N, C-alpha and C. Protein backbone atom coordinates (compact mmCIF):
# COMPACT_ATOMS: atom_id res chain seq x y z
N MET A 1 92.07 104.35 93.65
CA MET A 1 92.78 104.47 94.89
C MET A 1 92.07 105.49 95.80
N PHE A 2 91.60 106.57 95.22
CA PHE A 2 90.91 107.58 96.00
C PHE A 2 89.62 107.02 96.60
N ALA A 3 88.90 106.23 95.80
CA ALA A 3 87.65 105.64 96.30
C ALA A 3 87.91 104.68 97.45
N ASN A 4 88.98 103.93 97.39
CA ASN A 4 89.33 103.02 98.49
C ASN A 4 89.63 103.78 99.77
N LEU A 5 90.38 104.86 99.66
CA LEU A 5 90.71 105.66 100.84
C LEU A 5 89.46 106.30 101.45
N VAL A 6 88.64 106.86 100.61
CA VAL A 6 87.45 107.54 101.11
C VAL A 6 86.47 106.54 101.70
N ALA A 7 86.31 105.39 101.08
CA ALA A 7 85.37 104.38 101.58
C ALA A 7 85.79 103.88 102.96
N GLY A 8 87.07 103.63 103.14
CA GLY A 8 87.56 103.16 104.44
C GLY A 8 87.37 104.19 105.53
N HIS A 9 87.71 105.43 105.24
CA HIS A 9 87.57 106.48 106.23
C HIS A 9 86.09 106.76 106.55
N THR A 10 85.26 106.68 105.54
CA THR A 10 83.83 106.89 105.76
C THR A 10 83.25 105.79 106.64
N LEU A 11 83.63 104.56 106.37
CA LEU A 11 83.16 103.44 107.19
C LEU A 11 83.60 103.60 108.64
N LEU A 12 84.84 103.98 108.85
CA LEU A 12 85.32 104.17 110.22
C LEU A 12 84.61 105.32 110.91
N LYS A 13 84.31 106.38 110.19
CA LYS A 13 83.60 107.52 110.78
C LYS A 13 82.18 107.12 111.19
N ILE A 14 81.48 106.40 110.34
CA ILE A 14 80.12 105.97 110.65
C ILE A 14 80.12 105.04 111.85
N LEU A 15 81.02 104.07 111.85
CA LEU A 15 81.06 103.11 112.96
C LEU A 15 81.49 103.78 114.27
N SER A 16 82.43 104.71 114.21
CA SER A 16 82.86 105.36 115.44
C SER A 16 81.75 106.22 116.04
N THR A 17 80.98 106.89 115.20
CA THR A 17 79.85 107.68 115.70
C THR A 17 78.80 106.78 116.34
N TYR A 18 78.51 105.67 115.69
CA TYR A 18 77.54 104.72 116.23
C TYR A 18 78.02 104.13 117.56
N LEU A 19 79.29 103.74 117.62
CA LEU A 19 79.83 103.18 118.85
C LEU A 19 79.86 104.21 119.98
N TYR A 20 80.13 105.45 119.66
CA TYR A 20 80.12 106.50 120.68
C TYR A 20 78.72 106.65 121.27
N ASP A 21 77.71 106.61 120.41
CA ASP A 21 76.33 106.69 120.90
C ASP A 21 75.99 105.51 121.80
N LEU A 22 76.49 104.34 121.45
CA LEU A 22 76.22 103.16 122.28
C LEU A 22 76.96 103.22 123.61
N PHE A 23 78.19 103.70 123.60
CA PHE A 23 78.96 103.78 124.84
C PHE A 23 78.41 104.81 125.81
N THR A 24 77.78 105.84 125.31
CA THR A 24 77.24 106.86 126.19
C THR A 24 75.85 106.52 126.72
N GLY A 25 75.34 105.36 126.35
CA GLY A 25 74.04 104.91 126.85
C GLY A 25 74.17 104.33 128.24
N SER A 26 73.35 103.37 128.53
CA SER A 26 73.37 102.75 129.86
C SER A 26 74.60 101.85 130.02
N LEU A 27 74.85 101.44 131.24
CA LEU A 27 76.03 100.63 131.55
C LEU A 27 75.96 99.26 130.89
N ILE A 28 74.79 98.66 130.87
CA ILE A 28 74.64 97.33 130.27
C ILE A 28 74.91 97.39 128.76
N VAL A 29 74.37 98.40 128.10
CA VAL A 29 74.61 98.56 126.67
C VAL A 29 76.09 98.84 126.41
N ALA A 30 76.74 99.61 127.27
CA ALA A 30 78.16 99.92 127.09
C ALA A 30 79.01 98.65 127.22
N ILE A 31 78.63 97.76 128.12
CA ILE A 31 79.38 96.51 128.28
C ILE A 31 79.18 95.61 127.06
N ILE A 32 77.96 95.55 126.56
CA ILE A 32 77.69 94.74 125.37
C ILE A 32 78.39 95.33 124.14
N THR A 33 78.59 96.64 124.14
CA THR A 33 79.21 97.31 123.01
C THR A 33 80.70 96.97 122.88
N LEU A 34 81.29 96.36 123.87
CA LEU A 34 82.71 95.99 123.79
C LEU A 34 82.97 94.99 122.67
N VAL A 35 82.01 94.15 122.35
CA VAL A 35 82.19 93.18 121.25
C VAL A 35 82.30 93.90 119.91
N PRO A 36 81.36 94.79 119.54
CA PRO A 36 81.54 95.53 118.28
C PRO A 36 82.77 96.43 118.30
N PHE A 37 83.16 96.89 119.49
CA PHE A 37 84.35 97.74 119.59
C PHE A 37 85.61 96.97 119.20
N THR A 38 85.70 95.70 119.57
CA THR A 38 86.86 94.90 119.16
C THR A 38 86.87 94.69 117.65
N ILE A 39 85.70 94.53 117.06
CA ILE A 39 85.62 94.43 115.60
C ILE A 39 86.05 95.74 114.96
N PHE A 40 85.66 96.85 115.57
CA PHE A 40 86.06 98.17 115.08
C PHE A 40 87.58 98.33 115.13
N LEU A 41 88.20 97.87 116.21
CA LEU A 41 89.67 97.94 116.30
C LEU A 41 90.33 97.09 115.22
N ALA A 42 89.74 95.93 114.92
CA ALA A 42 90.28 95.10 113.84
C ALA A 42 90.15 95.82 112.49
N LEU A 43 89.05 96.52 112.29
CA LEU A 43 88.88 97.28 111.05
C LEU A 43 89.88 98.42 110.94
N ILE A 44 90.22 99.03 112.06
CA ILE A 44 91.26 100.08 112.04
C ILE A 44 92.60 99.47 111.62
N GLY A 45 92.92 98.30 112.15
CA GLY A 45 94.15 97.62 111.75
C GLY A 45 94.15 97.26 110.27
N LEU A 46 93.01 96.80 109.78
CA LEU A 46 92.89 96.48 108.36
C LEU A 46 93.03 97.73 107.50
N GLU A 47 92.43 98.82 107.93
CA GLU A 47 92.54 100.08 107.20
C GLU A 47 93.98 100.58 107.18
N LEU A 48 94.68 100.40 108.28
CA LEU A 48 96.08 100.79 108.33
C LEU A 48 96.92 99.94 107.37
N ALA A 49 96.67 98.65 107.35
CA ALA A 49 97.41 97.76 106.44
C ALA A 49 97.12 98.11 104.98
N VAL A 50 95.88 98.37 104.65
CA VAL A 50 95.52 98.73 103.28
C VAL A 50 96.18 100.05 102.89
N SER A 51 96.21 101.02 103.79
CA SER A 51 96.83 102.30 103.46
C SER A 51 98.33 102.15 103.25
N LEU A 52 98.98 101.30 104.02
CA LEU A 52 100.42 101.07 103.81
C LEU A 52 100.69 100.40 102.47
N ILE A 53 99.87 99.44 102.10
CA ILE A 53 100.02 98.77 100.80
C ILE A 53 99.78 99.75 99.67
N GLN A 54 98.77 100.59 99.80
CA GLN A 54 98.49 101.57 98.74
C GLN A 54 99.61 102.59 98.64
N ALA A 55 100.19 102.99 99.74
CA ALA A 55 101.32 103.92 99.69
C ALA A 55 102.52 103.27 99.01
N PHE A 56 102.74 102.00 99.28
CA PHE A 56 103.84 101.28 98.64
C PHE A 56 103.63 101.19 97.14
N VAL A 57 102.43 100.83 96.71
CA VAL A 57 102.13 100.72 95.28
C VAL A 57 102.25 102.09 94.60
N PHE A 58 101.75 103.13 95.23
CA PHE A 58 101.84 104.48 94.67
C PHE A 58 103.30 104.90 94.51
N THR A 59 104.13 104.59 95.51
CA THR A 59 105.55 104.93 95.43
C THR A 59 106.23 104.17 94.30
N LEU A 60 105.91 102.88 94.16
CA LEU A 60 106.49 102.12 93.05
C LEU A 60 106.08 102.67 91.70
N LEU A 61 104.83 103.05 91.56
CA LEU A 61 104.37 103.61 90.29
C LEU A 61 105.05 104.94 89.99
N VAL A 62 105.18 105.79 90.97
CA VAL A 62 105.84 107.08 90.75
C VAL A 62 107.29 106.87 90.35
N CYS A 63 107.98 105.97 91.03
CA CYS A 63 109.38 105.69 90.68
C CYS A 63 109.50 105.13 89.27
N SER A 64 108.59 104.26 88.90
CA SER A 64 108.61 103.68 87.56
C SER A 64 108.36 104.74 86.50
N TYR A 65 107.38 105.61 86.73
CA TYR A 65 107.09 106.66 85.76
C TYR A 65 108.24 107.66 85.66
N LEU A 66 108.84 108.00 86.78
CA LEU A 66 109.98 108.92 86.75
C LEU A 66 111.17 108.32 86.02
N ARG A 67 111.42 107.04 86.25
CA ARG A 67 112.53 106.38 85.55
C ARG A 67 112.29 106.39 84.04
N ASP A 68 111.05 106.11 83.62
CA ASP A 68 110.75 106.12 82.20
C ASP A 68 110.84 107.54 81.61
N ALA A 69 110.49 108.54 82.40
CA ALA A 69 110.56 109.91 81.91
C ALA A 69 112.01 110.38 81.79
N ILE A 70 112.88 109.91 82.65
CA ILE A 70 114.27 110.35 82.64
C ILE A 70 115.08 109.61 81.59
N GLU A 71 114.89 108.30 81.46
CA GLU A 71 115.72 107.50 80.57
C GLU A 71 115.30 107.63 79.11
N LEU A 72 114.07 107.91 78.81
CA LEU A 72 113.58 108.10 77.45
C LEU A 72 113.90 106.94 76.52
N HIS A 73 113.90 105.78 76.99
CA HIS A 73 114.12 104.53 76.25
C HIS A 73 115.32 104.66 75.36
């Protein structure tokens, strides 16, 4: 789970730095950069969805472990 979180954030950091460099270039390059920027926004949405699913799974696991620790079979 930790590797998934770190990999997603690292990918977004690398892409955002690259896109910032492209946007601060000439006007023509900045206009062309709008296409990768839309892909970047889609990746942010995907990262958000993955983080919500991981939070849900983590919560279910914690609840399951706590129930087993309290009930003692």
